[in-house]
Amino acid sequence: MHIKKLKVRKVKAGYQTPCAVETLAMLSCWAASKNGSNVQACAESAKALSECMRANTMSGKKSSSTINFHLARLQKIKVLPLMYHISYTVLKCSTT
């Protein structure tokens, strides 16, 4: 199905992952300890990761469901009722 008015935004290029260095240090520590039972060896990495994650919480930003956003957009351009009709027709034909 082709939708003329559907637009997709490009991914923002400048996004940086918070706490990537601390996460990598923690994973490296776990890999170096092999069995993962030596908790004391990775305590410093775990503390640094915990502090970084606590400092970088998404405060003030309300998270929203992206699927609901896109369904609302599709409903505005009258594609969604057509999709419901198609799925209903397919279900009706498959049950008979």
Protein backbone atom coordinates (compact mmCIF):
# COMPACT_ATOMS: atom_id res chain seq x y z
CA MET A 1 0.00 0.00 0.00
CA HIS A 2 1.33 3.44 -0.88
CA ILE A 3 0.50 6.46 1.27
CA LYS A 4 1.25 9.80 -0.35
CA LYS A 5 1.14 12.08 2.67
CA LEU A 6 3.02 9.91 5.16
CA LYS A 7 6.32 11.54 6.13
CA VAL A 8 9.17 10.01 8.10
CA ARG A 9 11.66 12.20 9.90
CA LYS A 10 15.38 11.54 9.67
CA VAL A 11 17.23 10.38 12.77
CA LYS A 12 18.94 13.18 14.65
CA ALA A 13 22.67 12.85 14.07
CA GLY A 14 23.94 14.52 17.24
CA TYR A 15 22.43 12.14 19.80
CA GLN A 16 24.85 10.96 22.45
CA THR A 17 24.23 8.02 24.71
CA PRO A 18 24.45 9.05 28.36
CA CYS A 19 26.58 6.84 30.61
CA ALA A 20 28.09 4.93 27.66
CA VAL A 21 31.59 5.00 29.17
CA GLU A 22 30.38 3.76 32.55
CA THR A 23 28.27 1.02 30.96
CA LEU A 24 31.22 -0.14 28.88
CA ALA A 25 33.44 -0.20 31.98
CA MET A 26 30.86 -2.31 33.84
CA LEU A 27 30.48 -4.79 30.96
CA SER A 28 34.25 -5.04 30.58
CA CYS A 29 34.61 -5.76 34.27
CA TRP A 30 32.01 -8.52 34.06
CA ALA A 31 33.75 -9.99 31.02
CA ALA A 32 37.12 -9.90 32.77
CA SER A 33 35.80 -11.69 35.86
CA LYS A 34 34.42 -14.45 33.55
CA ASN A 35 32.05 -16.17 35.99
CA GLY A 36 30.55 -12.96 37.39
CA SER A 37 30.59 -14.24 40.96
CA ASN A 38 33.27 -11.77 42.13
CA VAL A 39 31.05 -8.78 42.94
CA GLN A 40 33.74 -6.86 44.81
CA ALA A 41 35.93 -6.59 41.70
CA CYS A 42 33.23 -4.65 39.82
CA ALA A 43 31.95 -2.58 42.76
CA GLU A 44 33.70 0.61 41.61
CA SER A 45 32.32 0.31 38.07
CA ALA A 46 28.84 -0.40 39.40
CA LYS A 47 28.96 2.64 41.68
CA ALA A 48 30.10 4.92 38.83
CA LEU A 49 27.32 3.60 36.55
CA SER A 50 24.72 4.03 39.28
CA GLU A 51 25.77 7.64 39.92
CA CYS A 52 25.75 8.45 36.21
CA MET A 53 22.28 6.98 35.71
CA ARG A 54 20.96 8.84 38.73
CA ALA A 55 22.39 12.12 37.40
CA ASN A 56 21.02 11.61 33.87
CA THR A 57 17.38 10.86 34.57
CA MET A 58 14.85 12.22 32.11
CA SER A 59 13.41 14.77 34.48
CA GLY A 60 10.78 17.11 33.11
CA LYS A 61 10.32 15.21 29.87
CA LYS A 62 7.02 13.41 29.55
CA SER A 63 7.36 10.17 27.66
CA SER A 64 4.60 9.37 25.23
CA SER A 65 3.55 6.29 23.37
CA THR A 66 4.85 6.53 19.82
CA ILE A 67 2.32 4.03 18.48
CA ASN A 68 -0.57 6.22 19.65
CA PHE A 69 1.08 9.25 18.05
CA HIS A 70 1.40 7.52 14.70
CA LEU A 71 -2.12 6.09 14.83
CA ALA A 72 -3.45 9.61 15.42
CA ARG A 73 -1.48 10.87 12.42
CA LEU A 74 -2.80 8.12 10.19
CA GLN A 75 -6.35 8.80 11.30
CA LYS A 76 -5.99 12.45 10.26
CA ILE A 77 -5.14 11.50 6.68
CA LYS A 78 -8.02 8.96 6.52
CA VAL A 79 -5.81 5.90 6.11
CA LEU A 80 -6.78 4.26 9.39
CA PRO A 81 -10.49 3.67 8.60
CA LEU A 82 -9.44 2.07 5.33
CA MET A 83 -7.03 -0.21 7.18
CA TYR A 84 -9.78 -1.24 9.62
CA HIS A 85 -12.11 -1.98 6.72
CA ILE A 86 -9.48 -4.11 4.96
CA SER A 87 -8.67 -6.10 8.11
CA TYR A 88 -12.39 -6.61 8.87
CA THR A 89 -13.00 -7.83 5.33
CA VAL A 90 -10.07 -10.24 5.51
CA LEU A 91 -11.24 -11.61 8.87
CA LYS A 92 -14.81 -11.95 7.64
CA CYS A 93 -13.72 -13.84 4.53
CA SER A 94 -11.37 -16.15 6.44
CA THR A 95 -14.06 -17.22 8.94
CA THR A 96 -16.60 -18.17 6.28
